[in-house]
Full PDB file with SEQRES, HELIX, SHEET, SSBOND, CRYST1, ORIGX, SCALE, CONECT and MASTER records, all heavy atoms in Angstrom:
SEQRES   1 A   39  MET GLU LEU LYS LEU MET MET GLU LYS LEU GLY ALA PRO          
SEQRES   2 A   39  GLN THR HIS LEU GLY LEU LYS ASN MET ILE LYS GLU VAL          
SEQRES   3 A   39  ASP GLU ASP LEU ASP SER LYS LEU SER PHE ARG GLU PHE          
HELIX    1 AA1 GLU A    2  LYS A    9  1                                   8    
HELIX    2 AA2 HIS A   16  VAL A   26  1                                  11    
CRYST1    1.000    1.000    1.000  90.00  90.00  90.00 P 1           1          
ORIGX1      1.000000  0.000000  0.000000        0.00000                         
ORIGX2      0.000000  1.000000  0.000000        0.00000                         
ORIGX3      0.000000  0.000000  1.000000        0.00000                         
SCALE1      1.000000  0.000000  0.000000        0.00000                         
SCALE2      0.000000  1.000000  0.000000        0.00000                         
SCALE3      0.000000  0.000000  1.000000        0.00000                         
ATOM      1  N   MET A   1       0.867  -1.235   0.004  1.00  0.00           N  
ATOM      2  CA  MET A   1      -0.022  -0.015  -0.027  1.00  0.00           C  
ATOM      3  C   MET A   1       0.849   1.251   0.010  1.00  0.00           C  
ATOM      4  O   MET A   1       0.504   2.238  -0.677  1.00  0.00           O  
ATOM      5  CB  MET A   1      -0.933  -0.030   1.188  1.00  0.00           C  
ATOM      6  CG  MET A   1      -2.115  -0.952   1.098  1.00  0.00           C  
ATOM      7  SD  MET A   1      -3.007  -0.910  -0.499  1.00  0.00           S  
ATOM      8  CE  MET A   1      -3.772   0.697  -0.385  1.00  0.00           C  
ATOM      9  N   GLU A   2       1.988   1.232   0.763  1.00  0.00           N  
ATOM     10  CA  GLU A   2       2.857   2.363   0.746  1.00  0.00           C  
ATOM     11  C   GLU A   2       3.504   2.595  -0.583  1.00  0.00           C  
ATOM     12  O   GLU A   2       3.705   3.690  -1.035  1.00  0.00           O  
ATOM     13  CB  GLU A   2       3.873   2.191   1.908  1.00  0.00           C  
ATOM     14  CG  GLU A   2       3.258   2.282   3.294  1.00  0.00           C  
ATOM     15  CD  GLU A   2       4.018   1.657   4.383  1.00  0.00           C  
ATOM     16  OE1 GLU A   2       4.990   0.922   4.152  1.00  0.00           O  
ATOM     17  OE2 GLU A   2       3.694   1.873   5.562  1.00  0.00           O  
ATOM     18  N   LEU A   3       3.899   1.445  -1.256  1.00  0.00           N  
ATOM     19  CA  LEU A   3       4.497   1.532  -2.551  1.00  0.00           C  
ATOM     20  C   LEU A   3       3.475   2.064  -3.573  1.00  0.00           C  
ATOM     21  O   LEU A   3       3.816   2.905  -4.406  1.00  0.00           O  
ATOM     22  CB  LEU A   3       4.983   0.148  -2.988  1.00  0.00           C  
ATOM     23  CG  LEU A   3       5.725   0.089  -4.379  1.00  0.00           C  
ATOM     24  CD1 LEU A   3       6.962   0.942  -4.393  1.00  0.00           C  
ATOM     25  CD2 LEU A   3       6.029  -1.350  -4.740  1.00  0.00           C  
ATOM     26  N   LYS A   4       2.200   1.650  -3.378  1.00  0.00           N  
ATOM     27  CA  LYS A   4       1.113   2.149  -4.252  1.00  0.00           C  
ATOM     28  C   LYS A   4       1.017   3.665  -4.157  1.00  0.00           C  
ATOM     29  O   LYS A   4       1.020   4.348  -5.182  1.00  0.00           O  
ATOM     30  CB  LYS A   4      -0.202   1.473  -3.828  1.00  0.00           C  
ATOM     31  CG  LYS A   4      -1.401   1.956  -4.585  1.00  0.00           C  
ATOM     32  CD  LYS A   4      -2.638   1.297  -3.991  1.00  0.00           C  
ATOM     33  CE  LYS A   4      -3.893   1.515  -4.764  1.00  0.00           C  
ATOM     34  NZ  LYS A   4      -4.367   2.907  -4.762  1.00  0.00           N  
ATOM     35  N   LEU A   5       1.026   4.192  -2.909  1.00  0.00           N  
ATOM     36  CA  LEU A   5       0.977   5.622  -2.711  1.00  0.00           C  
ATOM     37  C   LEU A   5       2.170   6.308  -3.307  1.00  0.00           C  
ATOM     38  O   LEU A   5       2.100   7.385  -3.866  1.00  0.00           O  
ATOM     39  CB  LEU A   5       0.834   5.950  -1.241  1.00  0.00           C  
ATOM     40  CG  LEU A   5      -0.541   5.871  -0.620  1.00  0.00           C  
ATOM     41  CD1 LEU A   5      -0.445   5.941   0.881  1.00  0.00           C  
ATOM     42  CD2 LEU A   5      -1.432   6.971  -1.131  1.00  0.00           C  
ATOM     43  N   MET A   6       3.353   5.699  -3.105  1.00  0.00           N  
ATOM     44  CA  MET A   6       4.617   6.310  -3.620  1.00  0.00           C  
ATOM     45  C   MET A   6       4.517   6.453  -5.124  1.00  0.00           C  
ATOM     46  O   MET A   6       4.872   7.514  -5.687  1.00  0.00           O  
ATOM     47  CB  MET A   6       5.831   5.453  -3.190  1.00  0.00           C  
ATOM     48  CG  MET A   6       7.158   6.082  -3.645  1.00  0.00           C  
ATOM     49  SD  MET A   6       8.598   5.040  -3.443  1.00  0.00           S  
ATOM     50  CE  MET A   6       8.831   4.994  -1.724  1.00  0.00           C  
ATOM     51  N   MET A   7       4.123   5.359  -5.793  1.00  0.00           N  
ATOM     52  CA  MET A   7       4.050   5.390  -7.252  1.00  0.00           C  
ATOM     53  C   MET A   7       3.009   6.399  -7.765  1.00  0.00           C  
ATOM     54  O   MET A   7       3.241   7.052  -8.764  1.00  0.00           O  
ATOM     55  CB  MET A   7       3.785   3.969  -7.811  1.00  0.00           C  
ATOM     56  CG  MET A   7       4.899   3.006  -7.520  1.00  0.00           C  
ATOM     57  SD  MET A   7       6.513   3.544  -8.086  1.00  0.00           S  
ATOM     58  CE  MET A   7       6.349   3.442  -9.872  1.00  0.00           C  
ATOM     59  N   GLU A   8       1.912   6.529  -7.019  1.00  0.00           N  
ATOM     60  CA  GLU A   8       0.890   7.529  -7.400  1.00  0.00           C  
ATOM     61  C   GLU A   8       1.466   8.930  -7.247  1.00  0.00           C  
ATOM     62  O   GLU A   8       1.286   9.777  -8.141  1.00  0.00           O  
ATOM     63  CB  GLU A   8      -0.356   7.370  -6.535  1.00  0.00           C  
ATOM     64  CG  GLU A   8      -1.184   6.193  -6.935  1.00  0.00           C  
ATOM     65  CD  GLU A   8      -2.276   5.854  -5.912  1.00  0.00           C  
ATOM     66  OE1 GLU A   8      -2.473   6.530  -4.905  1.00  0.00           O  
ATOM     67  OE2 GLU A   8      -2.944   4.814  -6.145  1.00  0.00           O  
ATOM     68  N   LYS A   9       2.166   9.159  -6.152  1.00  0.00           N  
ATOM     69  CA  LYS A   9       2.792  10.472  -5.954  1.00  0.00           C  
ATOM     70  C   LYS A   9       3.820  10.788  -6.997  1.00  0.00           C  
ATOM     71  O   LYS A   9       4.060  11.976  -7.373  1.00  0.00           O  
ATOM     72  CB  LYS A   9       3.471  10.586  -4.600  1.00  0.00           C  
ATOM     73  CG  LYS A   9       2.518  10.423  -3.416  1.00  0.00           C  
ATOM     74  CD  LYS A   9       1.867  11.741  -3.010  1.00  0.00           C  
ATOM     75  CE  LYS A   9       0.860  11.633  -1.964  1.00  0.00           C  
ATOM     76  NZ  LYS A   9      -0.542  11.465  -2.416  1.00  0.00           N  
ATOM     77  N   LEU A  10       4.495   9.773  -7.513  1.00  0.00           N  
ATOM     78  CA  LEU A  10       5.573   9.961  -8.562  1.00  0.00           C  
ATOM     79  C   LEU A  10       4.891  10.107  -9.949  1.00  0.00           C  
ATOM     80  O   LEU A  10       5.571  10.387 -10.890  1.00  0.00           O  
ATOM     81  CB  LEU A  10       6.547   8.820  -8.542  1.00  0.00           C  
ATOM     82  CG  LEU A  10       7.516   8.759  -7.438  1.00  0.00           C  
ATOM     83  CD1 LEU A  10       8.270   7.402  -7.403  1.00  0.00           C  
ATOM     84  CD2 LEU A  10       8.464   9.902  -7.408  1.00  0.00           C  
ATOM     85  N   GLY A  11       3.569   9.896  -9.972  1.00  0.00           N  
ATOM     86  CA  GLY A  11       2.851  10.116 -11.260  1.00  0.00           C  
ATOM     87  C   GLY A  11       2.948   8.865 -12.153  1.00  0.00           C  
ATOM     88  O   GLY A  11       2.774   8.964 -13.353  1.00  0.00           O  
ATOM     89  N   ALA A  12       3.204   7.726 -11.533  1.00  0.00           N  
ATOM     90  CA  ALA A  12       3.285   6.490 -12.292  1.00  0.00           C  
ATOM     91  C   ALA A  12       2.449   5.390 -11.576  1.00  0.00           C  
ATOM     92  O   ALA A  12       3.034   4.376 -11.133  1.00  0.00           O  
ATOM     93  CB  ALA A  12       4.700   6.021 -12.458  1.00  0.00           C  
ATOM     94  N   PRO A  13       1.142   5.556 -11.429  1.00  0.00           N  
ATOM     95  CA  PRO A  13       0.349   4.578 -10.711  1.00  0.00           C  
ATOM     96  C   PRO A  13       0.482   3.206 -11.313  1.00  0.00           C  
ATOM     97  O   PRO A  13       0.584   3.080 -12.531  1.00  0.00           O  
ATOM     98  CB  PRO A  13      -1.085   5.126 -10.805  1.00  0.00           C  
ATOM     99  CG  PRO A  13      -1.057   6.161 -11.859  1.00  0.00           C  
ATOM    100  CD  PRO A  13       0.324   6.603 -12.014  1.00  0.00           C  
ATOM    101  N   GLN A  14       0.447   2.200 -10.439  1.00  0.00           N  
ATOM    102  CA  GLN A  14       0.599   0.810 -10.927  1.00  0.00           C  
ATOM    103  C   GLN A  14      -0.634   0.012 -10.499  1.00  0.00           C  
ATOM    104  O   GLN A  14      -1.334   0.331  -9.535  1.00  0.00           O  
ATOM    105  CB  GLN A  14       1.802   0.149 -10.214  1.00  0.00           C  
ATOM    106  CG  GLN A  14       3.138   0.898 -10.430  1.00  0.00           C  
ATOM    107  CD  GLN A  14       3.640   0.797 -11.910  1.00  0.00           C  
ATOM    108  OE1 GLN A  14       3.626  -0.288 -12.454  1.00  0.00           O  
ATOM    109  NE2 GLN A  14       3.965   1.911 -12.503  1.00  0.00           N  
ATOM    110  N   THR A  15      -0.899  -1.065 -11.239  1.00  0.00           N  
ATOM    111  CA  THR A  15      -1.953  -1.986 -10.888  1.00  0.00           C  
ATOM    112  C   THR A  15      -1.495  -2.784  -9.656  1.00  0.00           C  
ATOM    113  O   THR A  15      -0.296  -2.792  -9.335  1.00  0.00           O  
ATOM    114  CB  THR A  15      -2.225  -3.000 -12.019  1.00  0.00           C  
ATOM    115  OG1 THR A  15      -1.040  -3.781 -12.213  1.00  0.00           O  
ATOM    116  CG2 THR A  15      -2.650  -2.329 -13.314  1.00  0.00           C  
ATOM    117  N   HIS A  16      -2.418  -3.460  -8.991  1.00  0.00           N  
ATOM    118  CA  HIS A  16      -2.106  -4.262  -7.843  1.00  0.00           C  
ATOM    119  C   HIS A  16      -1.052  -5.319  -8.207  1.00  0.00           C  
ATOM    120  O   HIS A  16      -0.037  -5.487  -7.522  1.00  0.00           O  
ATOM    121  CB  HIS A  16      -3.403  -4.961  -7.307  1.00  0.00           C  
ATOM    122  CG  HIS A  16      -3.192  -5.687  -6.026  1.00  0.00           C  
ATOM    123  ND1 HIS A  16      -3.058  -5.023  -4.823  1.00  0.00           N  
ATOM    124  CD2 HIS A  16      -3.100  -6.990  -5.763  1.00  0.00           C  
ATOM    125  CE1 HIS A  16      -2.852  -5.914  -3.828  1.00  0.00           C  
ATOM    126  NE2 HIS A  16      -2.930  -7.082  -4.384  1.00  0.00           N  
ATOM    127  N   LEU A  17      -1.266  -5.962  -9.368  1.00  0.00           N  
ATOM    128  CA  LEU A  17      -0.308  -6.995  -9.858  1.00  0.00           C  
ATOM    129  C   LEU A  17       1.005  -6.361 -10.186  1.00  0.00           C  
ATOM    130  O   LEU A  17       2.086  -6.932  -9.875  1.00  0.00           O  
ATOM    131  CB  LEU A  17      -0.940  -7.671 -11.108  1.00  0.00           C  
ATOM    132  CG  LEU A  17      -0.091  -8.875 -11.652  1.00  0.00           C  
ATOM    133  CD1 LEU A  17      -0.106 -10.000 -10.599  1.00  0.00           C  
ATOM    134  CD2 LEU A  17      -0.697  -9.380 -12.912  1.00  0.00           C  
ATOM    135  N   GLY A  18       1.000  -5.175 -10.808  1.00  0.00           N  
ATOM    136  CA  GLY A  18       2.260  -4.461 -11.119  1.00  0.00           C  
ATOM    137  C   GLY A  18       3.039  -4.142  -9.848  1.00  0.00           C  
ATOM    138  O   GLY A  18       4.280  -4.346  -9.796  1.00  0.00           O  
ATOM    139  N   LEU A  19       2.356  -3.766  -8.810  1.00  0.00           N  
ATOM    140  CA  LEU A  19       3.054  -3.427  -7.535  1.00  0.00           C  
ATOM    141  C   LEU A  19       3.686  -4.707  -6.897  1.00  0.00           C  
ATOM    142  O   LEU A  19       4.771  -4.754  -6.441  1.00  0.00           O  
ATOM    143  CB  LEU A  19       2.027  -2.814  -6.551  1.00  0.00           C  
ATOM    144  CG  LEU A  19       1.537  -1.409  -6.916  1.00  0.00           C  
ATOM    145  CD1 LEU A  19       0.283  -1.110  -6.103  1.00  0.00           C  
ATOM    146  CD2 LEU A  19       2.582  -0.345  -6.670  1.00  0.00           C  
ATOM    147  N   LYS A  20       2.873  -5.800  -6.933  1.00  0.00           N  
ATOM    148  CA  LYS A  20       3.398  -7.075  -6.414  1.00  0.00           C  
ATOM    149  C   LYS A  20       4.633  -7.488  -7.168  1.00  0.00           C  
ATOM    150  O   LYS A  20       5.553  -7.999  -6.554  1.00  0.00           O  
ATOM    151  CB  LYS A  20       2.294  -8.187  -6.577  1.00  0.00           C  
ATOM    152  CG  LYS A  20       1.211  -8.110  -5.455  1.00  0.00           C  
ATOM    153  CD  LYS A  20       0.215  -9.215  -5.651  1.00  0.00           C  
ATOM    154  CE  LYS A  20       0.090  -9.981  -4.330  1.00  0.00           C  
ATOM    155  NZ  LYS A  20      -0.951 -10.928  -4.362  1.00  0.00           N  
ATOM    156  N   ASN A  21       4.600  -7.355  -8.522  1.00  0.00           N  
ATOM    157  CA  ASN A  21       5.711  -7.728  -9.309  1.00  0.00           C  
ATOM    158  C   ASN A  21       6.976  -6.867  -9.043  1.00  0.00           C  
ATOM    159  O   ASN A  21       8.085  -7.316  -9.035  1.00  0.00           O  
ATOM    160  CB  ASN A  21       5.411  -7.634 -10.797  1.00  0.00           C  
ATOM    161  CG  ASN A  21       4.480  -8.857 -11.242  1.00  0.00           C  
ATOM    162  OD1 ASN A  21       4.443  -9.865 -10.554  1.00  0.00           O  
ATOM    163  ND2 ASN A  21       3.744  -8.633 -12.323  1.00  0.00           N  
ATOM    164  N   MET A  22       6.714  -5.553  -8.767  1.00  0.00           N  
ATOM    165  CA  MET A  22       7.793  -4.663  -8.451  1.00  0.00           C  
ATOM    166  C   MET A  22       8.519  -5.147  -7.182  1.00  0.00           C  
ATOM    167  O   MET A  22       9.725  -5.210  -7.106  1.00  0.00           O  
ATOM    168  CB  MET A  22       7.262  -3.244  -8.164  1.00  0.00           C  
ATOM    169  CG  MET A  22       6.911  -2.486  -9.427  1.00  0.00           C  
ATOM    170  SD  MET A  22       6.140  -0.851  -9.041  1.00  0.00           S  
ATOM    171  CE  MET A  22       7.511   0.039  -8.336  1.00  0.00           C  
ATOM    172  N   ILE A  23       7.696  -5.465  -6.162  1.00  0.00           N  
ATOM    173  CA  ILE A  23       8.258  -5.942  -4.921  1.00  0.00           C  
ATOM    174  C   ILE A  23       8.948  -7.252  -5.099  1.00  0.00           C  
ATOM    175  O   ILE A  23      10.116  -7.453  -4.663  1.00  0.00           O  
ATOM    176  CB  ILE A  23       7.187  -6.046  -3.796  1.00  0.00           C  
ATOM    177  CG1 ILE A  23       6.741  -4.610  -3.412  1.00  0.00           C  
ATOM    178  CG2 ILE A  23       7.730  -6.764  -2.531  1.00  0.00           C  
ATOM    179  CD1 ILE A  23       5.571  -4.576  -2.409  1.00  0.00           C  
ATOM    180  N   LYS A  24       8.329  -8.185  -5.846  1.00  0.00           N  
ATOM    181  CA  LYS A  24       8.892  -9.500  -6.057  1.00  0.00           C  
ATOM    182  C   LYS A  24      10.288  -9.477  -6.697  1.00  0.00           C  
ATOM    183  O   LYS A  24      11.185 -10.213  -6.388  1.00  0.00           O  
ATOM    184  CB  LYS A  24       7.942 -10.348  -6.939  1.00  0.00           C  
ATOM    185  CG  LYS A  24       8.211 -11.849  -6.784  1.00  0.00           C  
ATOM    186  CD  LYS A  24       7.410 -12.801  -7.496  1.00  0.00           C  
ATOM    187  CE  LYS A  24       6.065 -12.345  -8.102  1.00  0.00           C  
ATOM    188  NZ  LYS A  24       5.367 -13.399  -8.802  1.00  0.00           N  
ATOM    189  N   GLU A  25      10.475  -8.464  -7.600  1.00  0.00           N  
ATOM    190  CA  GLU A  25      11.729  -8.363  -8.370  1.00  0.00           C  
ATOM    191  C   GLU A  25      12.942  -8.073  -7.484  1.00  0.00           C  
ATOM    192  O   GLU A  25      14.051  -8.431  -7.817  1.00  0.00           O  
ATOM    193  CB  GLU A  25      11.582  -7.314  -9.455  1.00  0.00           C  
ATOM    194  CG  GLU A  25      12.579  -7.489 -10.574  1.00  0.00           C  
ATOM    195  CD  GLU A  25      12.289  -6.604 -11.769  1.00  0.00           C  
ATOM    196  OE1 GLU A  25      11.114  -6.229 -11.975  1.00  0.00           O  
ATOM    197  OE2 GLU A  25      13.257  -6.274 -12.471  1.00  0.00           O  
ATOM    198  N   VAL A  26      12.728  -7.380  -6.331  1.00  0.00           N  
ATOM    199  CA  VAL A  26      13.858  -7.034  -5.509  1.00  0.00           C  
ATOM    200  C   VAL A  26      13.748  -7.567  -4.036  1.00  0.00           C  
ATOM    201  O   VAL A  26      14.587  -7.269  -3.183  1.00  0.00           O  
ATOM    202  CB  VAL A  26      14.146  -5.534  -5.442  1.00  0.00           C  
ATOM    203  CG1 VAL A  26      14.709  -5.030  -6.758  1.00  0.00           C  
ATOM    204  CG2 VAL A  26      12.886  -4.732  -5.114  1.00  0.00           C  
ATOM    205  N   ASP A  27      12.658  -8.318  -3.811  1.00  0.00           N  
ATOM    206  CA  ASP A  27      12.415  -8.821  -2.444  1.00  0.00           C  
ATOM    207  C   ASP A  27      13.312 -10.033  -2.132  1.00  0.00           C  
ATOM    208  O   ASP A  27      12.877 -11.140  -2.285  1.00  0.00           O  
ATOM    209  CB  ASP A  27      10.913  -9.194  -2.376  1.00  0.00           C  
ATOM    210  CG  ASP A  27      10.497  -9.531  -0.967  1.00  0.00           C  
ATOM    211  OD1 ASP A  27      11.259  -9.238  -0.013  1.00  0.00           O  
ATOM    212  OD2 ASP A  27       9.364 -10.121  -0.857  1.00  0.00           O  
ATOM    213  N   GLU A  28      14.479  -9.755  -1.683  1.00  0.00           N  
ATOM    214  CA  GLU A  28      15.454 -10.827  -1.383  1.00  0.00           C  
ATOM    215  C   GLU A  28      15.041 -11.725  -0.303  1.00  0.00           C  
ATOM    216  O   GLU A  28      15.300 -12.929  -0.315  1.00  0.00           O  
ATOM    217  CB  GLU A  28      16.794 -10.208  -1.086  1.00  0.00           C  
ATOM    218  CG  GLU A  28      17.392  -9.546  -2.273  1.00  0.00           C  
ATOM    219  CD  GLU A  28      18.822  -8.876  -1.948  1.00  0.00           C  
ATOM    220  OE1 GLU A  28      18.926  -8.310  -0.866  1.00  0.00           O  
ATOM    221  OE2 GLU A  28      19.667  -9.008  -2.801  1.00  0.00           O  
ATOM    222  N   ASP A  29      14.396 -11.216   0.785  1.00  0.00           N  
ATOM    223  CA  ASP A  29      14.016 -12.056   1.941  1.00  0.00           C  
ATOM    224  C   ASP A  29      12.611 -12.560   1.817  1.00  0.00           C  
ATOM    225  O   ASP A  29      12.086 -13.149   2.791  1.00  0.00           O  
ATOM    226  CB  ASP A  29      14.232 -11.328   3.225  1.00  0.00           C  
ATOM    227  CG  ASP A  29      13.530  -9.976   3.281  1.00  0.00           C  
ATOM    228  OD1 ASP A  29      12.742  -9.678   2.384  1.00  0.00           O  
ATOM    229  OD2 ASP A  29      13.715  -9.195   4.261  1.00  0.00           O  
ATOM    230  N   LEU A  30      11.943 -12.288   0.661  1.00  0.00           N  
ATOM    231  CA  LEU A  30      10.624 -12.844   0.434  1.00  0.00           C  
ATOM    232  C   LEU A  30       9.585 -12.449   1.521  1.00  0.00           C  
ATOM    233  O   LEU A  30       8.726 -13.297   1.830  1.00  0.00           O  
ATOM    234  CB  LEU A  30      10.638 -14.314   0.198  1.00  0.00           C  
ATOM    235  CG  LEU A  30      11.587 -14.862  -0.860  1.00  0.00           C  
ATOM    236  CD1 LEU A  30      11.668 -16.359  -0.914  1.00  0.00           C  
ATOM    237  CD2 LEU A  30      11.240 -14.291  -2.267  1.00  0.00           C  
ATOM    238  N   ASP A  31       9.654 -11.259   2.068  1.00  0.00           N  
ATOM    239  CA  ASP A  31       8.681 -10.875   3.085  1.00  0.00           C  
ATOM    240  C   ASP A  31       7.558  -9.936   2.492  1.00  0.00           C  
ATOM    241  O   ASP A  31       6.772  -9.381   3.194  1.00  0.00           O  
ATOM    242  CB  ASP A  31       9.396 -10.169   4.274  1.00  0.00           C  
ATOM    243  CG  ASP A  31      10.041  -8.862   3.831  1.00  0.00           C  
ATOM    244  OD1 ASP A  31      10.098  -8.566   2.645  1.00  0.00           O  
ATOM    245  OD2 ASP A  31      10.550  -8.181   4.740  1.00  0.00           O  
ATOM    246  N   SER A  32       7.591  -9.799   1.109  1.00  0.00           N  
ATOM    247  CA  SER A  32       6.550  -9.038   0.412  1.00  0.00           C  
ATOM    248  C   SER A  32       6.550  -7.553   0.798  1.00  0.00           C  
ATOM    249  O   SER A  32       5.505  -6.904   0.690  1.00  0.00           O  
ATOM    250  CB  SER A  32       5.179  -9.622   0.630  1.00  0.00           C  
ATOM    251  OG  SER A  32       5.145 -10.921   0.151  1.00  0.00           O  
ATOM    252  N   LYS A  33       7.713  -7.033   1.203  1.00  0.00           N  
ATOM    253  CA  LYS A  33       7.846  -5.564   1.396  1.00  0.00           C  
ATOM    254  C   LYS A  33       9.258  -5.208   1.129  1.00  0.00           C  
ATOM    255  O   LYS A  33      10.159  -6.013   1.069  1.00  0.00           O  
ATOM    256  CB  LYS A  33       7.389  -5.152   2.781  1.00  0.00           C  
ATOM    257  CG  LYS A  33       7.940  -5.966   3.929  1.00  0.00           C  
ATOM    258  CD  LYS A  33       7.173  -5.562   5.226  1.00  0.00           C  
ATOM    259  CE  LYS A  33       7.671  -6.498   6.357  1.00  0.00           C  
ATOM    260  NZ  LYS A  33       7.043  -6.181   7.632  1.00  0.00           N  
ATOM    261  N   LEU A  34       9.487  -3.885   0.937  1.00  0.00           N  
ATOM    262  CA  LEU A  34      10.864  -3.397   0.608  1.00  0.00           C  
ATOM    263  C   LEU A  34      11.581  -2.841   1.827  1.00  0.00           C  
ATOM    264  O   LEU A  34      11.058  -1.925   2.464  1.00  0.00           O  
ATOM    265  CB  LEU A  34      10.735  -2.339  -0.407  1.00  0.00           C  
ATOM    266  CG  LEU A  34      10.175  -2.693  -1.802  1.00  0.00           C  
ATOM    267  CD1 LEU A  34      10.159  -1.442  -2.705  1.00  0.00           C  
ATOM    268  CD2 LEU A  34      10.996  -3.781  -2.465  1.00  0.00           C  
ATOM    269  N   SER A  35      12.740  -3.405   2.073  1.00  0.00           N  
ATOM    270  CA  SER A  35      13.624  -2.782   3.112  1.00  0.00           C  
ATOM    271  C   SER A  35      14.402  -1.719   2.374  1.00  0.00           C  
ATOM    272  O   SER A  35      14.414  -1.623   1.147  1.00  0.00           O  
ATOM    273  CB  SER A  35      14.541  -3.890   3.689  1.00  0.00           C  
ATOM    274  OG  SER A  35      15.454  -4.271   2.629  1.00  0.00           O  
ATOM    275  N   PHE A  36      15.165  -0.929   3.099  1.00  0.00           N  
ATOM    276  CA  PHE A  36      15.977   0.097   2.483  1.00  0.00           C  
ATOM    277  C   PHE A  36      17.027  -0.593   1.556  1.00  0.00           C  
ATOM    278  O   PHE A  36      17.253  -0.116   0.453  1.00  0.00           O  
ATOM    279  CB  PHE A  36      16.669   0.992   3.527  1.00  0.00           C  
ATOM    280  CG  PHE A  36      17.610   1.991   2.969  1.00  0.00           C  
ATOM    281  CD1 PHE A  36      17.091   2.965   2.048  1.00  0.00           C  
ATOM    282  CD2 PHE A  36      18.951   1.986   3.198  1.00  0.00           C  
ATOM    283  CE1 PHE A  36      17.932   3.861   1.469  1.00  0.00           C  
ATOM    284  CE2 PHE A  36      19.796   2.933   2.687  1.00  0.00           C  
ATOM    285  CZ  PHE A  36      19.300   3.876   1.809  1.00  0.00           C  
ATOM    286  N   ARG A  37      17.588  -1.709   2.039  1.00  0.00           N  
ATOM    287  CA  ARG A  37      18.553  -2.468   1.222  1.00  0.00           C  
ATOM    288  C   ARG A  37      17.939  -2.906  -0.082  1.00  0.00           C  
ATOM    289  O   ARG A  37      18.571  -2.767  -1.159  1.00  0.00           O  
ATOM    290  CB  ARG A  37      19.008  -3.662   2.052  1.00  0.00           C  
ATOM    291  CG  ARG A  37      20.232  -4.347   1.554  1.00  0.00           C  
ATOM    292  CD  ARG A  37      20.557  -5.539   2.496  1.00  0.00           C  
ATOM    293  NE  ARG A  37      20.640  -6.802   1.763  1.00  0.00           N  
ATOM    294  CZ  ARG A  37      21.458  -7.022   0.741  1.00  0.00           C  
ATOM    295  NH1 ARG A  37      22.265  -6.109   0.328  1.00  0.00           N  
ATOM    296  NH2 ARG A  37      21.469  -8.208   0.135  1.00  0.00           N  
ATOM    297  N   GLU A  38      16.736  -3.412  -0.127  1.00  0.00           N  
ATOM    298  CA  GLU A  38      16.040  -3.829  -1.299  1.00  0.00           C  
ATOM    299  C   GLU A  38      15.686  -2.637  -2.165  1.00  0.00           C  
ATOM    300  O   GLU A  38      15.727  -2.727  -3.387  1.00  0.00           O  
ATOM    301  CB  GLU A  38      14.810  -4.655  -0.960  1.00  0.00           C  
ATOM    302  CG  GLU A  38      15.174  -5.974  -0.341  1.00  0.00           C  
ATOM    303  CD  GLU A  38      13.995  -6.688   0.428  1.00  0.00           C  
ATOM    304  OE1 GLU A  38      13.000  -5.973   0.755  1.00  0.00           O  
ATOM    305  OE2 GLU A  38      14.094  -7.866   0.657  1.00  0.00           O  
ATOM    306  N   PHE A  39      15.346  -1.539  -1.511  1.00  0.00           N  
ATOM    307  CA  PHE A  39      15.066  -0.296  -2.225  1.00  0.00           C  
ATOM    308  C   PHE A  39      16.298   0.138  -3.027  1.00  0.00           C  
ATOM    309  O   PHE A  39      16.231   0.541  -4.187  1.00  0.00           O  
ATOM    310  CB  PHE A  39      14.700   0.793  -1.238  1.00  0.00           C  
ATOM    311  CG  PHE A  39      14.258   2.107  -1.783  1.00  0.00           C  
ATOM    312  CD1 PHE A  39      13.059   2.306  -2.396  1.00  0.00           C  
ATOM    313  CD2 PHE A  39      15.145   3.207  -1.711  1.00  0.00           C  
ATOM    314  CE1 PHE A  39      12.683   3.514  -2.920  1.00  0.00           C  
ATOM    315  CE2 PHE A  39      14.715   4.425  -2.217  1.00  0.00           C  
ATOM    316  CZ  PHE A  39      13.541   4.606  -2.835  1.00  0.00           C  
TER     317      PHE A  39                                                      
MASTER        0    0    0    2    0    0    0    6  316    1    0    3          
END                                                                             
């Protein structure tokens, strides 16, 4: 949800699936959220 808001604020809103895929691509510990390291 926080990533969703961030992307909206950046002017590049994403679909729910798009957001999940964004997290999945860098989610090294598979906790479904972004740490600063993953960011």
